[in-house]
PDB file of N, CA and C in Angstrom:
ATOM      1  N   MET A   1     105.341  98.088 117.049  1.00  0.00           N
ATOM      2  CA  MET A   1     104.482  99.223 116.820  1.00  0.00           C
ATOM      3  C   MET A   1     103.508  99.413 117.969  1.00  0.00           C
ATOM      4  N   ILE A   2     103.199 100.600 118.151  1.00  0.00           N
ATOM      5  CA  ILE A   2     102.191 101.113 119.205  1.00  0.00           C
ATOM      6  C   ILE A   2     101.111 101.725 118.399  1.00  0.00           C
ATOM      7  N   TYR A   3      99.831 101.237 119.056  1.00  0.00           N
ATOM      8  CA  TYR A   3      98.698 101.781 118.729  1.00  0.00           C
ATOM      9  C   TYR A   3      97.991 102.186 119.880  1.00  0.00           C
ATOM     10  N   VAL A   4      97.267 103.482 119.705  1.00  0.00           N
ATOM     11  CA  VAL A   4      96.690 104.183 120.657  1.00  0.00           C
ATOM     12  C   VAL A   4      95.348 104.505 120.292  1.00  0.00           C
ATOM     13  N   SER A   5      94.438 103.988 121.605  1.00  0.00           N
ATOM     14  CA  SER A   5      92.816 104.200 121.058  1.00  0.00           C
ATOM     15  C   SER A   5      92.520 105.575 121.494  1.00  0.00           C
ATOM     16  N   ASP A   6      91.321 105.958 121.164  1.00  0.00           N
ATOM     17  CA  ASP A   6      90.693 107.316 121.393  1.00  0.00           C
ATOM     18  C   ASP A   6      90.768 107.655 122.725  1.00  0.00           C
ATOM     19  N   LYS A   7      90.523 106.716 123.692  1.00  0.00           N
ATOM     20  CA  LYS A   7      90.658 106.573 125.136  1.00  0.00           C
ATOM     21  C   LYS A   7      92.091 106.825 125.741  1.00  0.00           C
ATOM     22  N   GLY A   8      92.940 106.606 124.788  1.00  0.00           N
ATOM     23  CA  GLY A   8      94.368 106.846 125.453  1.00  0.00           C
ATOM     24  C   GLY A   8      94.823 105.471 125.799  1.00  0.00           C
ATOM     25  N   GLU A   9      94.255 104.487 125.648  1.00  0.00           N
ATOM     26  CA  GLU A   9      94.770 103.006 125.671  1.00  0.00           C
ATOM     27  C   GLU A   9      96.031 102.682 124.733  1.00  0.00           C
ATOM     28  N   ILE A  10      96.744 101.766 125.233  1.00  0.00           N
ATOM     29  CA  ILE A  10      97.893 101.502 124.231  1.00  0.00           C
ATOM     30  C   ILE A  10      98.054 100.040 124.195  1.00  0.00           C
ATOM     31  N   LEU A  11      98.176  99.786 122.989  1.00  0.00           N
ATOM     32  CA  LEU A  11      98.461  98.056 122.549  1.00  0.00           C
ATOM     33  C   LEU A  11      99.808  98.217 121.822  1.00  0.00           C
ATOM     34  N   THR A  12     100.696  97.337 122.105  1.00  0.00           N
ATOM     35  CA  THR A  12     101.902  97.107 121.538  1.00  0.00           C
ATOM     36  C   THR A  12     101.726  95.830 120.448  1.00  0.00           C
ATOM     37  N   ALA A  13     102.374  95.666 119.597  1.00  0.00           N
ATOM     38  CA  ALA A  13     102.450  94.701 118.586  1.00  0.00           C
ATOM     39  C   ALA A  13     103.875  94.597 117.979  1.00  0.00           C
ATOM     40  N   ARG A  14     104.396  93.454 118.162  1.00  0.00           N
ATOM     41  CA  ARG A  14     105.632  93.047 117.738  1.00  0.00           C
ATOM     42  C   ARG A  14     105.654  92.094 116.710  1.00  0.00           C
ATOM     43  N   PHE A  15     105.768  92.261 115.344  1.00  0.00           N
ATOM     44  CA  PHE A  15     105.609  91.468 114.409  1.00  0.00           C
ATOM     45  C   PHE A  15     106.850  90.603 113.862  1.00  0.00           C
ATOM     46  N   ASP A  16     106.737  89.287 113.705  1.00  0.00           N
ATOM     47  CA  ASP A  16     107.968  88.600 113.372  1.00  0.00           C
ATOM     48  C   ASP A  16     107.666  87.777 112.244  1.00  0.00           C
ATOM     49  N   ASN A  17     108.141  88.445 111.141  1.00  0.00           N
ATOM     50  CA  ASN A  17     107.737  87.727 109.788  1.00  0.00           C
ATOM     51  C   ASN A  17     108.660  86.421 109.525  1.00  0.00           C
ATOM     52  N   SER A  18     109.678  86.282 110.305  1.00  0.00           N
ATOM     53  CA  SER A  18     110.259  84.835 110.227  1.00  0.00           C
ATOM     54  C   SER A  18     109.311  83.659 110.647  1.00  0.00           C
ATOM     55  N   LYS A  19     108.671  83.922 111.526  1.00  0.00           N
ATOM     56  CA  LYS A  19     107.722  83.109 112.147  1.00  0.00           C
ATOM     57  C   LYS A  19     106.108  83.090 111.666  1.00  0.00           C
ATOM     58  N   ASP A  20     105.927  84.193 111.016  1.00  0.00           N
ATOM     59  CA  ASP A  20     104.518  84.755 110.804  1.00  0.00           C
ATOM     60  C   ASP A  20     103.693  84.775 111.807  1.00  0.00           C
ATOM     61  N   THR A  21     104.072  85.457 112.949  1.00  0.00           N
ATOM     62  CA  THR A  21     103.368  85.757 114.025  1.00  0.00           C
ATOM     63  C   THR A  21     103.380  87.226 114.524  1.00  0.00           C
ATOM     64  N   VAL A  22     102.421  87.562 115.334  1.00  0.00           N
ATOM     65  CA  VAL A  22     102.517  88.824 116.119  1.00  0.00           C
ATOM     66  C   VAL A  22     102.385  88.605 117.622  1.00  0.00           C
ATOM     67  N   LEU A  23     103.134  89.282 118.341  1.00  0.00           N
ATOM     68  CA  LEU A  23     103.126  89.196 119.851  1.00  0.00           C
ATOM     69  C   LEU A  23     102.511  90.531 120.252  1.00  0.00           C
ATOM     70  N   LEU A  24     101.381  90.284 120.965  1.00  0.00           N
ATOM     71  CA  LEU A  24     100.659  91.484 121.221  1.00  0.00           C
ATOM     72  C   LEU A  24     100.709  91.701 122.872  1.00  0.00           C
ATOM     73  N   LYS A  25     100.602  92.953 123.226  1.00  0.00           N
ATOM     74  CA  LYS A  25     100.286  93.287 124.593  1.00  0.00           C
ATOM     75  C   LYS A  25      99.180  94.442 124.463  1.00  0.00           C
ATOM     76  N   PRO A  26      97.893  93.919 124.831  1.00  0.00           N
ATOM     77  CA  PRO A  26      96.724  94.585 124.759  1.00  0.00           C
ATOM     78  C   PRO A  26      96.568  95.280 126.217  1.00  0.00           C
ATOM     79  N   PRO A  27      95.886  96.230 126.360  1.00  0.00           N
ATOM     80  CA  PRO A  27      95.927  97.139 127.587  1.00  0.00           C
ATOM     81  C   PRO A  27      95.224  96.294 128.926  1.00  0.00           C
ATOM     82  N   GLY A  28      95.824  96.085 129.778  1.00  0.00           N
ATOM     83  CA  GLY A  28      95.210  95.323 130.911  1.00  0.00           C
ATOM     84  C   GLY A  28      95.326  93.854 130.966  1.00  0.00           C
ATOM     85  N   ARG A  29      95.977  93.137 129.933  1.00  0.00           N
ATOM     86  CA  ARG A  29      95.900  92.036 129.486  1.00  0.00           C
ATOM     87  C   ARG A  29      97.500  91.451 129.584  1.00  0.00           C
ATOM     88  N   THR A  30      97.481  90.198 129.618  1.00  0.00           N
ATOM     89  CA  THR A  30      98.730  89.682 129.450  1.00  0.00           C
ATOM     90  C   THR A  30      98.988  89.315 127.670  1.00  0.00           C
ATOM     91  N   GLU A  31     100.420  89.104 127.375  1.00  0.00           N
ATOM     92  CA  GLU A  31     100.834  88.993 126.233  1.00  0.00           C
ATOM     93  C   GLU A  31     100.132  87.890 125.495  1.00  0.00           C
ATOM     94  N   VAL A  32      99.987  87.811 124.215  1.00  0.00           N
ATOM     95  CA  VAL A  32      99.383  86.791 123.399  1.00  0.00           C
ATOM     96  C   VAL A  32     100.229  86.739 122.022  1.00  0.00           C
ATOM     97  N   GLU A  33     100.715  85.501 121.501  1.00  0.00           N
ATOM     98  CA  GLU A  33     101.103  85.428 120.286  1.00  0.00           C
ATOM     99  C   GLU A  33     100.152  84.705 119.336  1.00  0.00           C
ATOM    100  N   LEU A  34      99.912  85.422 118.152  1.00  0.00           N
ATOM    101  CA  LEU A  34      98.881  84.910 117.148  1.00  0.00           C
ATOM    102  C   LEU A  34      99.666  84.611 116.078  1.00  0.00           C
ATOM    103  N   PRO A  35      99.432  83.690 115.386  1.00  0.00           N
ATOM    104  CA  PRO A  35      99.779  83.154 113.876  1.00  0.00           C
ATOM    105  C   PRO A  35      99.133  83.972 112.839  1.00  0.00           C
ATOM    106  N   ARG A  36      99.761  84.299 111.635  1.00  0.00           N
ATOM    107  CA  ARG A  36      99.453  84.920 110.805  1.00  0.00           C
ATOM    108  C   ARG A  36      98.006  84.164 110.065  1.00  0.00           C
ATOM    109  N   ALA A  37      96.851  84.692 109.542  1.00  0.00           N
ATOM    110  CA  ALA A  37      95.833  84.165 109.200  1.00  0.00           C
ATOM    111  C   ALA A  37      95.272  84.833 107.790  1.00  0.00           C
ATOM    112  N   ILE A  38      94.489  84.080 107.111  1.00  0.00           N
ATOM    113  CA  ILE A  38      94.122  84.606 105.679  1.00  0.00           C
ATOM    114  C   ILE A  38      93.477  85.850 105.784  1.00  0.00           C
ATOM    115  N   SER A  39      93.694  86.972 104.749  1.00  0.00           N
ATOM    116  CA  SER A  39      92.966  88.293 105.180  1.00  0.00           C
ATOM    117  C   SER A  39      92.839  88.534 103.663  1.00  0.00           C
ATOM    118  N   GLY A  40      91.565  89.250 103.206  1.00  0.00           N
ATOM    119  CA  GLY A  40      91.290  89.836 101.927  1.00  0.00           C
ATOM    120  C   GLY A  40      92.224  91.150 101.914  1.00  0.00           C
ATOM    121  N   SER A  41      92.325  91.844 103.044  1.00  0.00           N
ATOM    122  CA  SER A  41      92.999  93.011 103.031  1.00  0.00           C
ATOM    123  C   SER A  41      93.778  93.410 104.362  1.00  0.00           C
ATOM    124  N   GLY A  42      94.585  93.939 104.407  1.00  0.00           N
ATOM    125  CA  GLY A  42      95.445  94.028 105.607  1.00  0.00           C
ATOM    126  C   GLY A  42      96.027  92.932 106.054  1.00  0.00           C
ATOM    127  N   ALA A  43      96.561  92.820 107.382  1.00  0.00           N
ATOM    128  CA  ALA A  43      97.334  91.672 107.949  1.00  0.00           C
ATOM    129  C   ALA A  43      96.329  91.333 109.245  1.00  0.00           C
ATOM    130  N   ARG A  44      96.174  89.897 109.032  1.00  0.00           N
ATOM    131  CA  ARG A  44      95.307  89.437 110.069  1.00  0.00           C
ATOM    132  C   ARG A  44      96.221  88.254 110.675  1.00  0.00           C
ATOM    133  N   TYR A  45      95.952  88.163 112.048  1.00  0.00           N
ATOM    134  CA  TYR A  45      96.444  87.241 112.783  1.00  0.00           C
ATOM    135  C   TYR A  45      95.255  86.542 113.631  1.00  0.00           C
ATOM    136  N   SER A  46      95.472  85.318 113.771  1.00  0.00           N
ATOM    137  CA  SER A  46      94.439  84.688 114.597  1.00  0.00           C
ATOM    138  C   SER A  46      94.661  83.218 115.233  1.00  0.00           C
ATOM    139  N   ASP A  47      94.210  82.868 116.273  1.00  0.00           N
ATOM    140  CA  ASP A  47      94.360  81.396 116.726  1.00  0.00           C
ATOM    141  C   ASP A  47      92.814  80.790 116.733  1.00  0.00           C
ATOM    142  N   GLY A  48      91.943  81.722 116.158  1.00  0.00           N
ATOM    143  CA  GLY A  48      90.806  80.929 116.125  1.00  0.00           C
ATOM    144  C   GLY A  48      89.782  81.522 117.239  1.00  0.00           C
ATOM    145  N   ARG A  49      90.180  82.041 118.177  1.00  0.00           N
ATOM    146  CA  ARG A  49      89.656  82.599 119.531  1.00  0.00           C
ATOM    147  C   ARG A  49      89.799  84.306 119.432  1.00  0.00           C
ATOM    148  N   GLU A  50      91.357  84.522 119.566  1.00  0.00           N
ATOM    149  CA  GLU A  50      91.441  85.678 119.533  1.00  0.00           C
ATOM    150  C   GLU A  50      92.265  86.109 118.048  1.00  0.00           C
ATOM    151  N   THR A  51      91.958  87.569 117.866  1.00  0.00           N
ATOM    152  CA  THR A  51      92.094  88.121 116.427  1.00  0.00           C
ATOM    153  C   THR A  51      92.603  89.329 116.674  1.00  0.00           C
ATOM    154  N   PHE A  52      93.841  89.609 115.915  1.00  0.00           N
ATOM    155  CA  PHE A  52      94.240  91.043 115.738  1.00  0.00           C
ATOM    156  C   PHE A  52      94.537  91.318 114.086  1.00  0.00           C
ATOM    157  N   TRP A  53      93.773  92.642 113.951  1.00  0.00           N
ATOM    158  CA  TRP A  53      93.823  92.819 112.553  1.00  0.00           C
ATOM    159  C   TRP A  53      94.290  94.474 112.263  1.00  0.00           C
ATOM    160  N   GLU A  54      95.244  94.424 111.371  1.00  0.00           N
ATOM    161  CA  GLU A  54      95.967  95.731 111.156  1.00  0.00           C
ATOM    162  C   GLU A  54      95.447  96.010 109.616  1.00  0.00           C
ATOM    163  N   HIS A  55      95.039  97.475 109.498  1.00  0.00           N
ATOM    164  CA  HIS A  55      94.758  97.796 107.995  1.00  0.00           C
ATOM    165  C   HIS A  55      94.924  99.330 108.188  1.00  0.00           C
ATOM    166  N   HIS A  56      95.884  99.832 107.125  1.00  0.00           N
ATOM    167  CA  HIS A  56      95.838 101.317 107.006  1.00  0.00           C
ATOM    168  C   HIS A  56      96.277 102.025 108.176  1.00  0.00           C
ATOM    169  N   GLY A  57      97.127 101.370 109.213  1.00  0.00           N
ATOM    170  CA  GLY A  57      97.506 102.223 110.244  1.00  0.00           C
ATOM    171  C   GLY A  57      96.618 101.973 111.424  1.00  0.00           C
ATOM    172  N   GLU A  58      95.455 101.158 111.254  1.00  0.00           N
ATOM    173  CA  GLU A  58      94.446 100.992 112.390  1.00  0.00           C
ATOM    174  C   GLU A  58      94.712  99.651 112.958  1.00  0.00           C
ATOM    175  N   GLY A  59      94.470  99.405 114.233  1.00  0.00           N
ATOM    176  CA  GLY A  59      94.759  97.987 114.763  1.00  0.00           C
ATOM    177  C   GLY A  59      93.530  97.470 115.436  1.00  0.00           C
ATOM    178  N   SER A  60      92.949  96.671 115.427  1.00  0.00           N
ATOM    179  CA  SER A  60      91.817  96.041 116.259  1.00  0.00           C
ATOM    180  C   SER A  60      91.929  94.625 116.887  1.00  0.00           C
ATOM    181  N   TYR A  61      91.753  94.416 117.942  1.00  0.00           N
ATOM    182  CA  TYR A  61      91.911  93.263 118.745  1.00  0.00           C
ATOM    183  C   TYR A  61      90.590  92.642 119.384  1.00  0.00           C
ATOM    184  N   TRP A  62      90.305  91.433 118.992  1.00  0.00           N
ATOM    185  CA  TRP A  62      89.102  90.927 119.102  1.00  0.00           C
ATOM    186  C   TRP A  62      89.410  89.438 120.079  1.00  0.00           C
ATOM    187  N   ILE A  63      88.273  89.081 120.970  1.00  0.00           N
ATOM    188  CA  ILE A  63      88.180  87.847 121.613  1.00  0.00           C
ATOM    189  C   ILE A  63      86.956  87.495 121.266  1.00  0.00           C
ATOM    190  N   GLY A  64      86.784  86.531 120.250  1.00  0.00           N
ATOM    191  CA  GLY A  64      85.645  86.199 119.736  1.00  0.00           C
ATOM    192  C   GLY A  64      84.812  87.234 119.031  1.00  0.00           C
ATOM    193  N   GLU A  65      83.594  87.693 119.291  1.00  0.00           N
ATOM    194  CA  GLU A  65      82.949  88.575 118.650  1.00  0.00           C
ATOM    195  C   GLU A  65      83.081  89.768 119.412  1.00  0.00           C
ATOM    196  N   GLU A  66      83.679  90.024 120.420  1.00  0.00           N
ATOM    197  CA  GLU A  66      83.802  91.288 121.157  1.00  0.00           C
ATOM    198  C   GLU A  66      85.008  91.999 120.980  1.00  0.00           C
ATOM    199  N   LEU A  67      84.828  93.109 120.653  1.00  0.00           N
ATOM    200  CA  LEU A  67      85.846  94.069 120.245  1.00  0.00           C
ATOM    201  C   LEU A  67      86.549  94.545 121.672  1.00  0.00           C
ATOM    202  N   ILE A  68      87.842  94.229 121.913  1.00  0.00           N
ATOM    203  CA  ILE A  68      88.624  94.645 123.033  1.00  0.00           C
ATOM    204  C   ILE A  68      89.357  95.868 122.988  1.00  0.00           C
ATOM    205  N   PHE A  69      89.947  96.303 121.765  1.00  0.00           N
ATOM    206  CA  PHE A  69      90.635  97.305 121.477  1.00  0.00           C
ATOM    207  C   PHE A  69      90.673  97.771 119.952  1.00  0.00           C
ATOM    208  N   ARG A  70      90.776  99.333 119.645  1.00  0.00           N
ATOM    209  CA  ARG A  70      90.684  99.598 118.490  1.00  0.00           C
ATOM    210  C   ARG A  70      91.685 100.895 118.560  1.00  0.00           C
ATOM    211  N   GLY A  71      92.589 101.163 117.692  1.00  0.00           N
ATOM    212  CA  GLY A  71      93.335 102.394 117.720  1.00  0.00           C
ATOM    213  C   GLY A  71      94.304 102.430 116.581  1.00  0.00           C
ATOM    214  N   ARG A  72      94.969 103.723 116.472  1.00  0.00           N
ATOM    215  CA  ARG A  72      95.765 103.912 115.316  1.00  0.00           C
ATOM    216  C   ARG A  72      97.230 103.798 115.769  1.00  0.00           C
ATOM    217  N   VAL A  73      98.135 103.753 114.581  1.00  0.00           N
ATOM    218  CA  VAL A  73      99.308 103.612 114.966  1.00  0.00           C
ATOM    219  C   VAL A  73      99.896 105.058 115.620  1.00  0.00           C
ATOM    220  N   LYS A  74     100.750 105.138 116.455  1.00  0.00           N
ATOM    221  CA  LYS A  74     101.324 106.176 117.203  1.00  0.00           C
ATOM    222  C   LYS A  74     102.279 106.748 116.173  1.00  0.00           C
ATOM    223  N   GLU A  75     102.107 108.005 116.042  1.00  0.00           N
ATOM    224  CA  GLU A  75     103.186 108.721 115.034  1.00  0.00           C
ATOM    225  C   GLU A  75     103.879 109.786 115.870  1.00  0.00           C
ATOM    226  N   ASP A  76     105.092 109.704 115.962  1.00  0.00           N
ATOM    227  CA  ASP A  76     105.796 110.683 116.727  1.00  0.00           C
ATOM    228  C   ASP A  76     105.675 112.225 115.789  1.00  0.00           C
ATOM    229  N   VAL A  77     105.388 113.147 116.584  1.00  0.00           N
ATOM    230  CA  VAL A  77     105.186 114.430 116.278  1.00  0.00           C
ATOM    231  C   VAL A  77     106.564 115.173 116.127  1.00  0.00           C
ATOM    232  N   PRO A  78     107.100 115.789 114.881  1.00  0.00           N
ATOM    233  CA  PRO A  78     108.426 116.450 114.678  1.00  0.00           C
ATOM    234  C   PRO A  78     108.396 117.485 115.743  1.00  0.00           C
ATOM    235  N   LYS A  79     109.603 118.001 116.378  1.00  0.00           N
ATOM    236  CA  LYS A  79     109.535 119.124 117.204  1.00  0.00           C
ATOM    237  C   LYS A  79     109.921 120.330 116.232  1.00  0.00           C
TER     238      LYS A  79
END
């Protein structure tokens, strides 16, 4: 999936349900693979330091308490 922030930054997320992981490519950073974590709502992936949370088409990526990225799923507009 591709997420786009209000600033036009892009984060890509590839979900692997067989491994319960997500492979993220945050803007300006190297790829990171995170395992699925417990979540009350939405899908949450975390290694205890870095976290990606997806809920209702919005994705957010955190390192510790710092929000690095927040964006919405890119949807193609029909021509």
